[in-house]
Every structure is written in C-alpha cells, then in structure tokens.
Amino acid sequence: MIQVYLLIILFALFLLMLLFVMYRLSGGVLAVPFLIFCYIVLLYFGTLHFFFTAGHLSFIFVFFMAVFYLAGICFASLRFNLQQKLISRPLIIYSPLNRAVLKFSLMAMYLIALSIAVYRILEFGIPLFERSWYTAAAIESGSGVVNKLLFSTGVDSLAILSLIAYGLYKSENDSRFKSLTAVFFVSYMVFQILNGGKSAAVMPFVLFGMAIFYCDRQIPRRLFIGAGIFVFVLVLFIGAFWAASFSPTDILPIFYERVTSVAALHLDYVLYGWAPNHSYELGNTVQLELKRIVAQVTAMPKEPLFNEFIGNLRSGHALDKVSGVSPELSLFGLAYANFGLLGAILSAVFFGYFVQWLNLFFSHRCINVLAFPLWIFFMFKLLGFVRTGNALITLQSFLIVVVPVFAITAVVYLCLALPFPAALKWRRLRLVHGE
C-alpha cells in the first residue's frame, strides 16, 4: 500500500511539472490545449477520491491519458516548428463589411436574442432560485427542435454577438464596438448565472478570456486580476444558493468536488462498474448521438445517449430515461467504452494533436471578423467535448448556436444595405508597416 501512495504522489508531481510544459507549448494560460490539460489534472485528483474510498486505480488510467494527450501536443508542435509556421505577432482581424450597417445588424440581433432570453425566464422561471441547473437542461432538450432553437437563439446567441463585436473592435479600433461587446457579454453572463449552473461563475470569463488571449497573445494584468476577483464573488453568490449558506467553508468544497470527484464519478464507474460486465460498444455510442439529433427534427422518440445510459445504470434509474443531462464520461472514458485501452490511448494522442494543431494554425494569422467568433466558439466547445466525449452532439450544439445568429444577422444586414449600393462593397484587407 505504501508503494501505491508513493505512486500517487509521483504521478501528481509529474502532472504538475507537465502543466508548466503545457503552458510553454500552448502559449499561455487561456490557450485551449492548456485548459484541457488543467481539466485532466483535476480529473486525476478526482479519481483519487475513488481510490481512497473504494480502492480503485482509475487514477493510473487518467495519468496515462494525460501523458498520451501531451504526446499528441508535442507531435503537432514539432510539425509546425519543422514547417516554420510559428509566427510571433498578434492575430490580425479584418472586416470586409460596412461598419455602420453591421453595427445596426448586431443591435437588431441582440434585441431578438434578449427578447427570447427574457421570454424563457418568464415562461419557465429561474433555475438558480430553485437551486437546480437540471431544470434548465430539461427545458433545453425536452421539447424538440423548436425549443432547442429558441434556447440557443436566446442566451447562447449573446455570446456569439459579443465575440463578433469584440472582433470588430480589434479590426476597426472603434470604441463603440467595445461598448457593444461589454453590453452583449454582460447580458450573456447574467442569463447564464440565472440558469443556475455552477460553471456560470467561470465559463463566460473563460470564453471571453480566450478571445482576448488569441487576439493579443496576452491578457492585461489588471483585467486578469479584476476578472479573478469577480469570478470569486460569483462563486460565492451562486454557491450560496446551492449550499443554502453564505459561508465560504460550505461553498468552496462544493465547487472543488464539482471539478474533481463529481467530474470523475462516471468515468470511474465505466472502468470499474460497466466495463467488467459488458463488451465494447465498437462505435455504437456515435449511433446513439445520431439518433438523438434525428429525434430533434422528427417525431421519433428520443433515446438516451451512452452517457445518460451509464448515469441511469449507476443510479438505478430506468435505462431508457432521457433527462437532458449528460454525465461526464470524458473523451477518454467514452473511447475506452468503445474500443478498450488502445482506443483510449489513440483518442488521447489524436485529440492532443488536433487541439494543438488548431491552436497553432489559427494563431498569429489574418482572419475575417466573422470567422473569428466561429473559431473561438468552436475551440470553447472543445472544452465541453473533452468532458462528455460526445462528438456529434458537440458539433450539433455548436452549429445550432452559430447558424441562427449568422442567418438572422445576414438577413438584417442585407435589408439595411440594399438601399445603399456602396454598403454592399466588399472591403479589402489593408495591412500596415509592411505586414
């Protein structure tokens, strides 16, 4: 037993050392490869709970997933270094559209999204006050495609709008777009908090922090400190509803358990409760995701995702129960359930390579102001993908948010611009100082 404790300590120290390596390879604290590695480290500490309570060795599985994920990161970094594609200048964002018309189009889309978000609050209530994020999840997935579109065209659209406005601020250097960014982002954050999830105290800031980081490759120290203080206040505020207490000693453990033992709960069950008695799924989990997507736009009854099936199995619920809440199996746990240990290893390597490739490919490039929010939001969605492992559902949640925003904004833009032919001219990128 002493040897196992020594192994736990050595693994923990090694992972902390690898955090510094990841920081250097990815470029900063808010780079997506680094954020994902932080999640894996927290997952490792979460699995220790099941070692101390049940003697499970799932912490070894998570440790090696971290190592193989890092291997994928290193392969991608080596490839880019060999091709000399690492450039040390900030991201250049340019806007080919008419600035004034686009500003009014964004404001029109904001009013639409705000109206839908307020309607849902009036119609379904405020989950935070009921201390139940599950209420918000059930609302989102319970009534088919129309309900899902209303959900995404409301609150989540505000996030896309804030990213577009920020991209316009960086491309046009116009303080009015900076004000719009603040209005859109604060609105998004308020409704996320009212939805009641604990992550609402952190994830909106992560999303927007990623946008700032990828634009400038750094975040102003004052902004970073100020955001950190504000996040801490929100953690206490939201935690007070969940803990029914205003004491930090009651609130902070709830958040710590959420990112450690609760995050590792269903992964540990897959390794020790499900796997010994079941054969590998061999890709059937993806079929369940596809069936769920088809059920959103047809009259077909919804079937549970594999994550929900595992959650139902562990909790003793009916196996066909569809709750709308997807337990965290992680990408590695889902790959293990499908293809065993080899599948988990390959998923870690390929995912590490893919994430770092995106991180390096889009960094320090010239990018359209409308492509900028798509890229940032997609990278943000990868944080959720590594937690659940549901590829098609993650892609659906990405598309069902961005498509309505861009479609409605484009229609409004054309309606406003058509009477003025000059507003329809596609502006060219102008670089200065020989860049």
Protein backbone atom coordinates (compact mmCIF):
# COMPACT_ATOMS: atom_id res chain seq x y z
CA MET A 1 0.00 0.00 0.00
CA ILE A 2 2.89 2.36 0.73
CA GLN A 3 4.13 1.82 -2.83
CA VAL A 4 0.73 2.90 -4.19
CA TYR A 5 0.77 6.07 -2.11
CA LEU A 6 4.25 6.86 -3.42
CA LEU A 7 2.98 6.26 -6.96
CA ILE A 8 0.10 8.67 -6.38
CA ILE A 9 2.49 11.36 -5.16
CA LEU A 10 4.95 10.79 -8.02
CA PHE A 11 2.15 10.93 -10.61
CA ALA A 12 0.78 14.13 -9.05
CA LEU A 13 4.19 15.82 -9.03
CA PHE A 14 4.84 14.72 -12.60
CA LEU A 15 1.50 16.08 -13.77
CA LEU A 16 2.19 19.42 -12.10
CA MET A 17 5.56 19.53 -13.87
CA LEU A 18 3.83 18.74 -17.17
CA LEU A 19 1.48 21.67 -16.56
CA PHE A 20 4.47 24.00 -16.97
CA VAL A 21 5.49 22.14 -20.13
CA MET A 22 1.94 22.51 -21.48
CA TYR A 23 1.98 26.21 -20.65
CA ARG A 24 5.11 26.67 -22.75
CA LEU A 25 3.90 24.54 -25.65
CA SER A 26 0.41 26.03 -25.88
CA GLY A 27 1.45 29.65 -25.38
CA GLY A 28 -0.49 30.76 -22.33
CA VAL A 29 -2.94 30.06 -19.52
CA LEU A 30 -6.03 30.59 -21.69
CA ALA A 31 -4.83 28.56 -24.65
CA VAL A 32 -7.26 25.68 -25.19
CA PRO A 33 -4.62 22.87 -25.03
CA PHE A 34 -3.54 24.16 -21.61
CA LEU A 35 -7.12 24.49 -20.32
CA ILE A 36 -7.86 20.91 -21.37
CA PHE A 37 -4.74 19.66 -19.60
CA CYS A 38 -5.86 21.50 -16.45
CA TYR A 39 -9.16 19.61 -16.70
CA ILE A 40 -7.30 16.28 -16.98
CA VAL A 41 -5.21 17.15 -13.89
CA LEU A 42 -8.38 17.94 -11.93
CA LEU A 43 -9.83 14.66 -13.19
CA TYR A 44 -6.76 12.88 -11.81
CA PHE A 45 -7.32 14.36 -8.36
CA GLY A 46 -10.99 13.42 -8.64
CA THR A 47 -10.12 9.76 -9.25
CA LEU A 48 -8.08 9.76 -6.05
CA HIS A 49 -11.37 10.04 -4.16
CA PHE A 50 -12.38 6.64 -5.53
CA PHE A 51 -9.01 5.15 -4.61
CA PHE A 52 -9.32 6.25 -1.00
CA THR A 53 -12.99 5.24 -0.73
CA ALA A 54 -13.12 2.09 -2.88
CA GLY A 55 -9.53 1.16 -3.70
CA HIS A 56 -10.00 1.84 -7.42
CA LEU A 57 -6.92 2.50 -9.56
CA SER A 58 -8.63 4.73 -12.11
CA PHE A 59 -6.06 7.44 -11.31
CA ILE A 60 -3.50 5.40 -13.27
CA PHE A 61 -5.76 5.45 -16.33
CA VAL A 62 -6.18 9.24 -16.14
CA PHE A 63 -2.45 9.79 -15.61
CA PHE A 64 -1.54 7.94 -18.79
CA MET A 65 -4.29 9.71 -20.71
CA ALA A 66 -2.59 12.96 -19.71
CA VAL A 67 0.77 11.65 -20.90
CA PHE A 68 -0.59 10.49 -24.26
CA TYR A 69 -2.51 13.76 -24.68
CA LEU A 70 0.78 15.59 -24.15
CA ALA A 71 2.42 13.31 -26.71
CA GLY A 72 -0.15 14.44 -29.30
CA ILE A 73 0.56 18.07 -28.36
CA CYS A 74 4.29 17.50 -28.88
CA PHE A 75 3.76 15.86 -32.30
CA ALA A 76 1.72 18.86 -33.50
CA SER A 77 4.23 21.36 -32.10
CA LEU A 78 7.11 19.53 -33.78
CA ARG A 79 5.29 19.53 -37.12
CA PHE A 80 4.67 23.28 -37.01
CA ASN A 81 8.22 24.03 -35.90
CA LEU A 82 9.60 22.00 -38.80
CA GLN A 83 7.38 23.90 -41.24
CA GLN A 84 8.30 27.25 -39.62
CA LYS A 85 4.68 28.25 -39.13
CA LEU A 86 5.07 29.60 -35.62
CA ILE A 87 4.97 33.40 -36.04
CA SER A 88 5.35 35.71 -33.05
CA ARG A 89 2.93 38.51 -33.95
CA PRO A 90 -0.64 39.13 -32.76
CA LEU A 91 -3.70 37.91 -34.61
CA ILE A 92 -4.84 40.27 -37.37
CA ILE A 93 -8.63 40.60 -37.67
CA TYR A 94 -10.17 42.42 -40.61
CA SER A 95 -13.76 43.28 -41.54
CA PRO A 96 -14.87 43.21 -45.19
CA LEU A 97 -18.36 44.52 -44.35
CA ASN A 98 -19.73 48.02 -43.92
CA ARG A 99 -19.09 49.06 -40.34
CA ALA A 100 -22.23 51.15 -39.74
CA VAL A 101 -24.65 48.65 -41.29
CA LEU A 102 -23.07 45.74 -39.39
CA LYS A 103 -23.36 47.64 -36.12
CA PHE A 104 -27.12 48.12 -36.58
CA SER A 105 -27.48 44.47 -37.67
CA LEU A 106 -25.80 43.29 -34.48
CA MET A 107 -28.02 45.51 -32.37
CA ALA A 108 -31.12 44.10 -34.09
CA MET A 109 -29.95 40.54 -33.46
CA TYR A 110 -29.19 41.48 -29.85
CA LEU A 111 -32.77 42.68 -29.31
CA ILE A 112 -34.10 39.42 -30.78
CA ALA A 113 -31.82 37.27 -28.60
CA LEU A 114 -32.57 39.35 -25.50
CA SER A 115 -36.32 39.07 -26.07
CA ILE A 116 -36.12 35.27 -26.38
CA ALA A 117 -33.94 35.01 -23.26
CA VAL A 118 -36.39 37.11 -21.24
CA TYR A 119 -39.34 35.12 -22.62
CA ARG A 120 -37.80 31.86 -21.42
CA ILE A 121 -37.26 33.31 -17.97
CA LEU A 122 -40.89 34.44 -17.81
CA GLU A 123 -42.15 31.14 -19.21
CA PHE A 124 -40.04 28.64 -17.24
CA GLY A 125 -38.79 30.56 -14.22
CA ILE A 126 -35.26 30.99 -12.89
CA PRO A 127 -33.39 27.71 -12.22
CA LEU A 128 -30.85 29.45 -9.94
CA PHE A 129 -33.57 30.38 -7.44
CA GLU A 130 -34.76 26.78 -7.50
CA ARG A 131 -31.17 25.57 -6.95
CA SER A 132 -31.49 23.26 -9.96
CA TRP A 133 -29.42 23.53 -13.12
CA TYR A 134 -31.19 20.31 -14.17
CA THR A 135 -34.31 22.37 -14.75
CA ALA A 136 -32.51 24.43 -17.41
CA ALA A 137 -31.11 21.28 -19.05
CA ALA A 138 -34.53 19.63 -19.17
CA ILE A 139 -36.05 22.77 -20.70
CA GLU A 140 -33.38 22.83 -23.40
CA SER A 141 -33.79 19.24 -24.53
CA GLY A 142 -37.38 18.45 -23.65
CA SER A 143 -39.46 19.83 -26.50
CA GLY A 144 -37.69 19.15 -29.76
CA VAL A 145 -36.05 21.33 -32.34
CA VAL A 146 -38.20 24.46 -31.92
CA ASN A 147 -37.49 24.58 -28.21
CA LYS A 148 -33.78 23.95 -28.80
CA LEU A 149 -33.60 26.72 -31.40
CA LEU A 150 -35.32 29.12 -29.01
CA PHE A 151 -32.86 28.15 -26.31
CA SER A 152 -29.79 28.68 -28.49
CA THR A 153 -31.11 31.79 -30.27
CA GLY A 154 -31.62 33.35 -26.88
CA VAL A 155 -28.84 33.15 -24.32
CA ASP A 156 -26.10 31.49 -26.36
CA SER A 157 -26.53 33.94 -29.23
CA LEU A 158 -25.43 36.70 -26.89
CA ALA A 159 -22.03 35.01 -26.58
CA ILE A 160 -21.56 34.93 -30.36
CA LEU A 161 -22.63 38.56 -30.65
CA SER A 162 -20.11 39.62 -28.01
CA LEU A 163 -17.34 37.81 -29.91
CA ILE A 164 -18.33 39.46 -33.21
CA ALA A 165 -18.42 42.89 -31.56
CA TYR A 166 -15.01 42.29 -29.97
CA GLY A 167 -13.57 41.21 -33.32
CA LEU A 168 -14.93 44.44 -34.85
CA TYR A 169 -13.38 46.46 -32.05
CA LYS A 170 -10.00 44.86 -32.75
CA SER A 171 -10.32 45.33 -36.52
CA GLU A 172 -11.84 48.83 -36.60
CA ASN A 173 -10.39 50.26 -33.37
CA ASP A 174 -13.80 51.82 -32.75
CA SER A 175 -14.74 52.33 -29.09
CA ARG A 176 -18.45 51.96 -29.94
CA PHE A 177 -17.85 48.29 -30.71
CA LYS A 178 -16.05 47.99 -27.38
CA SER A 179 -19.21 49.24 -25.66
CA LEU A 180 -21.35 46.79 -27.62
CA THR A 181 -19.01 43.98 -26.61
CA ALA A 182 -19.48 44.86 -22.95
CA VAL A 183 -23.29 45.06 -23.25
CA PHE A 184 -23.56 41.74 -25.12
CA PHE A 185 -21.17 39.94 -22.77
CA VAL A 186 -22.78 41.20 -19.55
CA SER A 187 -26.21 40.15 -20.87
CA TYR A 188 -24.87 36.68 -21.70
CA MET A 189 -23.26 36.35 -18.30
CA VAL A 190 -26.42 37.43 -16.42
CA PHE A 191 -28.63 34.86 -18.14
CA GLN A 192 -26.00 32.13 -17.71
CA ILE A 193 -25.96 32.82 -13.97
CA LEU A 194 -29.76 32.72 -13.81
CA ASN A 195 -29.64 29.28 -15.49
CA GLY A 196 -28.24 28.03 -12.19
CA GLY A 197 -25.16 26.02 -13.25
CA LYS A 198 -22.04 26.31 -11.12
CA SER A 199 -19.90 26.74 -14.24
CA ALA A 200 -21.73 30.02 -14.95
CA ALA A 201 -19.38 31.69 -12.48
CA VAL A 202 -16.35 30.75 -14.57
CA MET A 203 -17.05 29.68 -18.16
CA PRO A 204 -18.28 33.03 -19.60
CA PHE A 205 -15.00 34.56 -18.47
CA VAL A 206 -13.05 31.65 -19.95
CA LEU A 207 -14.78 32.16 -23.30
CA PHE A 208 -14.11 35.86 -23.48
CA GLY A 209 -10.65 35.48 -21.96
CA MET A 210 -9.82 33.09 -24.81
CA ALA A 211 -10.87 35.76 -27.33
CA ILE A 212 -8.62 38.37 -25.72
CA PHE A 213 -5.73 35.94 -25.40
CA TYR A 214 -5.83 34.74 -29.00
CA CYS A 215 -6.03 38.33 -30.27
CA ASP A 216 -3.09 39.72 -28.31
CA ARG A 217 -1.30 36.58 -27.00
CA GLN A 218 -1.61 38.04 -23.53
CA ILE A 219 -4.19 39.48 -21.13
CA PRO A 220 -3.66 42.79 -19.29
CA ARG A 221 -2.70 42.08 -15.69
CA ARG A 222 -5.31 44.43 -14.23
CA LEU A 223 -8.04 42.79 -16.28
CA PHE A 224 -6.87 39.33 -15.26
CA ILE A 225 -6.82 40.23 -11.55
CA GLY A 226 -10.14 42.08 -11.74
CA ALA A 227 -11.83 39.18 -13.53
CA GLY A 228 -10.37 36.75 -10.96
CA ILE A 229 -11.86 38.74 -8.08
CA PHE A 230 -15.21 38.97 -9.83
CA VAL A 231 -15.21 35.23 -10.51
CA PHE A 232 -14.56 34.56 -6.82
CA VAL A 233 -17.52 36.77 -5.86
CA LEU A 234 -19.75 34.93 -8.35
CA VAL A 235 -18.60 31.57 -7.00
CA LEU A 236 -19.74 32.66 -3.54
CA PHE A 237 -23.00 34.08 -4.90
CA ILE A 238 -24.02 31.01 -6.92
CA GLY A 239 -22.65 28.64 -4.29
CA ALA A 240 -24.81 30.31 -1.63
CA PHE A 241 -27.91 29.04 -3.45
CA TRP A 242 -26.56 25.50 -3.77
CA ALA A 243 -25.13 25.26 -0.24
CA ALA A 244 -28.00 27.22 1.36
CA SER A 245 -25.26 29.05 3.21
CA PHE A 246 -23.15 32.17 2.77
CA SER A 247 -20.11 30.63 4.44
CA PRO A 248 -17.09 30.15 2.10
CA THR A 249 -16.22 26.99 4.04
CA ASP A 250 -19.54 25.50 2.90
CA ILE A 251 -19.46 26.88 -0.65
CA LEU A 252 -15.89 26.26 -1.87
CA PRO A 253 -15.93 22.47 -1.22
CA ILE A 254 -19.00 22.21 -3.48
CA PHE A 255 -17.07 23.77 -6.36
CA TYR A 256 -13.97 21.67 -5.64
CA GLU A 257 -16.00 18.46 -5.67
CA ARG A 258 -17.68 19.57 -8.91
CA VAL A 259 -14.38 19.73 -10.80
CA THR A 260 -12.76 16.69 -9.17
CA SER A 261 -14.71 13.77 -7.68
CA VAL A 262 -18.03 14.64 -9.37
CA ALA A 263 -16.25 15.05 -12.72
CA ALA A 264 -14.59 11.64 -12.29
CA LEU A 265 -17.66 9.84 -10.96
CA HIS A 266 -18.98 8.28 -14.17
CA LEU A 267 -15.54 7.67 -15.67
CA ASP A 268 -14.67 5.61 -12.61
CA TYR A 269 -17.96 3.74 -12.96
CA VAL A 270 -17.24 2.92 -16.62
CA LEU A 271 -13.84 1.49 -15.69
CA TYR A 272 -14.98 -0.48 -12.62
CA GLY A 273 -18.75 -0.91 -12.86
CA TRP A 274 -19.61 -1.17 -16.53
CA ALA A 275 -16.54 -2.49 -18.36
CA PRO A 276 -16.06 -5.78 -16.42
CA ASN A 277 -19.59 -6.94 -17.38
CA HIS A 278 -20.01 -5.58 -20.90
CA SER A 279 -18.36 -5.90 -24.28
CA TYR A 280 -17.01 -2.91 -26.15
CA GLU A 281 -19.51 -0.67 -27.93
CA LEU A 282 -17.41 -0.53 -31.13
CA GLY A 283 -18.76 2.87 -32.17
CA ASN A 284 -22.40 2.32 -31.17
CA THR A 285 -22.26 5.38 -28.92
CA VAL A 286 -21.96 7.58 -32.03
CA GLN A 287 -25.12 5.96 -33.43
CA LEU A 288 -26.95 6.98 -30.26
CA GLU A 289 -25.80 10.56 -30.79
CA LEU A 290 -27.04 10.50 -34.37
CA LYS A 291 -30.42 9.11 -33.29
CA ARG A 292 -30.74 11.88 -30.70
CA ILE A 293 -30.05 14.54 -33.36
CA VAL A 294 -32.57 13.00 -35.79
CA ALA A 295 -35.16 12.84 -32.99
CA GLN A 296 -34.86 16.62 -32.56
CA VAL A 297 -36.32 17.24 -36.03
CA THR A 298 -38.72 14.30 -36.35
CA ALA A 299 -41.46 12.65 -34.32
CA MET A 300 -39.14 9.80 -33.31
CA PRO A 301 -38.93 9.16 -29.56
CA LYS A 302 -35.63 10.22 -28.03
CA GLU A 303 -33.20 7.60 -26.85
CA PRO A 304 -30.65 8.20 -24.10
CA LEU A 305 -27.06 8.96 -25.02
CA PHE A 306 -24.48 6.48 -23.82
CA ASN A 307 -23.55 8.98 -21.10
CA GLU A 308 -27.16 9.03 -19.91
CA PHE A 309 -27.33 5.23 -20.10
CA ILE A 310 -24.29 4.99 -17.81
CA GLY A 311 -25.79 7.57 -15.47
CA ASN A 312 -29.08 5.66 -15.33
CA LEU A 313 -27.27 2.35 -14.80
CA ARG A 314 -25.20 3.70 -11.96
CA SER A 315 -28.13 5.49 -10.29
CA GLY A 316 -30.61 2.64 -10.66
CA HIS A 317 -32.97 4.62 -12.89
CA ALA A 318 -34.84 3.23 -15.90
CA LEU A 319 -32.25 2.63 -18.62
CA ASP A 320 -34.35 4.41 -21.27
CA LYS A 321 -34.71 7.61 -19.24
CA VAL A 322 -33.82 10.78 -21.16
CA SER A 323 -33.01 13.53 -18.69
CA GLY A 324 -31.21 16.07 -20.89
CA VAL A 325 -28.25 15.91 -18.51
CA SER A 326 -25.18 14.16 -19.94
CA PRO A 327 -22.91 12.71 -17.22
CA GLU A 328 -19.21 13.36 -17.75
CA LEU A 329 -17.51 10.25 -19.11
CA SER A 330 -14.71 12.27 -20.72
CA LEU A 331 -13.44 11.68 -24.22
CA PHE A 332 -11.06 9.04 -22.88
CA GLY A 333 -13.75 7.16 -20.96
CA LEU A 334 -16.04 7.06 -23.97
CA ALA A 335 -13.18 5.89 -26.21
CA TYR A 336 -12.41 3.15 -23.67
CA ALA A 337 -16.05 2.04 -23.64
CA ASN A 338 -15.99 1.80 -27.44
CA PHE A 339 -12.57 0.35 -28.21
CA GLY A 340 -10.83 -0.50 -24.95
CA LEU A 341 -7.47 0.70 -23.72
CA LEU A 342 -5.99 1.04 -27.20
CA GLY A 343 -8.91 3.21 -28.27
CA ALA A 344 -8.46 5.43 -25.22
CA ILE A 345 -4.73 5.85 -25.93
CA LEU A 346 -5.29 6.71 -29.60
CA SER A 347 -8.07 9.15 -28.71
CA ALA A 348 -5.73 10.96 -26.29
CA VAL A 349 -2.93 11.23 -28.88
CA PHE A 350 -5.16 12.27 -31.79
CA PHE A 351 -7.13 14.75 -29.71
CA GLY A 352 -3.94 16.33 -28.36
CA TYR A 353 -2.61 16.64 -31.90
CA PHE A 354 -5.89 18.09 -33.21
CA VAL A 355 -6.25 20.67 -30.43
CA GLN A 356 -2.64 21.87 -30.70
CA TRP A 357 -2.87 21.95 -34.50
CA LEU A 358 -5.88 24.26 -34.26
CA ASN A 359 -4.16 26.32 -31.58
CA LEU A 360 -1.07 26.89 -33.73
CA PHE A 361 -2.74 27.04 -37.14
CA PHE A 362 -5.08 29.90 -36.28
CA SER A 363 -2.69 31.79 -34.01
CA HIS A 364 -0.99 34.90 -35.46
CA ARG A 365 -2.92 34.84 -38.75
CA CYS A 366 -5.11 37.20 -40.74
CA ILE A 367 -8.70 36.20 -40.11
CA ASN A 368 -12.11 37.53 -41.17
CA VAL A 369 -14.06 39.21 -38.37
CA LEU A 370 -16.95 36.77 -38.98
CA ALA A 371 -14.66 33.73 -38.92
CA PHE A 372 -13.11 34.89 -35.63
CA PRO A 373 -16.15 34.13 -33.38
CA LEU A 374 -16.67 30.78 -35.12
CA TRP A 375 -13.11 29.74 -34.39
CA ILE A 376 -13.12 30.94 -30.77
CA PHE A 377 -16.52 29.39 -30.04
CA PHE A 378 -15.52 26.09 -31.65
CA MET A 379 -12.35 25.97 -29.53
CA PHE A 380 -14.52 26.75 -26.49
CA LYS A 381 -16.85 23.86 -27.37
CA LEU A 382 -13.85 21.51 -27.36
CA LEU A 383 -13.66 22.06 -23.60
CA GLY A 384 -17.13 20.55 -23.33
CA PHE A 385 -16.29 17.80 -25.80
CA VAL A 386 -13.37 16.52 -23.73
CA ARG A 387 -15.69 16.38 -20.69
CA THR A 388 -18.51 14.39 -22.32
CA GLY A 389 -16.85 12.73 -25.33
CA ASN A 390 -19.98 13.19 -27.48
CA ALA A 391 -18.63 14.27 -30.89
CA LEU A 392 -21.84 14.68 -32.91
CA ILE A 393 -23.79 16.24 -30.04
CA THR A 394 -20.97 18.76 -29.51
CA LEU A 395 -20.98 19.61 -33.21
CA GLN A 396 -24.76 19.97 -33.14
CA SER A 397 -24.64 22.29 -30.13
CA PHE A 398 -22.03 24.39 -31.97
CA LEU A 399 -23.98 24.64 -35.23
CA ILE A 400 -27.37 25.21 -33.65
CA VAL A 401 -26.00 28.29 -31.89
CA VAL A 402 -23.98 29.90 -34.66
CA VAL A 403 -26.29 29.24 -37.63
CA PRO A 404 -29.32 31.27 -36.37
CA VAL A 405 -27.09 34.19 -35.29
CA PHE A 406 -25.34 34.48 -38.64
CA ALA A 407 -28.50 33.79 -40.66
CA ILE A 408 -30.62 36.44 -38.92
CA THR A 409 -27.77 38.97 -38.84
CA ALA A 410 -27.12 38.43 -42.56
CA VAL A 411 -30.79 38.98 -43.43
CA VAL A 412 -30.93 42.19 -41.37
CA TYR A 413 -27.64 43.37 -42.88
CA LEU A 414 -28.90 42.85 -46.45
CA CYS A 415 -32.22 44.56 -45.71
CA LEU A 416 -30.38 47.61 -44.37
CA ALA A 417 -27.66 47.64 -47.02
CA LEU A 418 -29.67 47.01 -50.22
CA PRO A 419 -30.96 50.60 -50.49
CA PHE A 420 -27.32 51.80 -50.37
CA PRO A 421 -25.16 50.03 -53.00
CA ALA A 422 -21.95 51.42 -51.51
CA ALA A 423 -22.66 49.48 -48.30
CA LEU A 424 -22.56 46.19 -50.24
CA LYS A 425 -18.98 46.67 -51.44
CA TRP A 426 -16.59 44.04 -50.05
CA ARG A 427 -13.75 45.88 -48.32
CA ARG A 428 -10.24 44.58 -48.80
CA LEU A 429 -7.74 43.87 -46.04
CA ARG A 430 -5.26 46.69 -45.61
CA LEU A 431 -2.00 45.84 -43.87
CA VAL A 432 0.31 48.49 -42.50
CA HIS A 433 4.03 48.69 -41.82
CA GLY A 434 4.70 46.11 -44.50
CA GLU A 435 2.87 43.29 -42.64
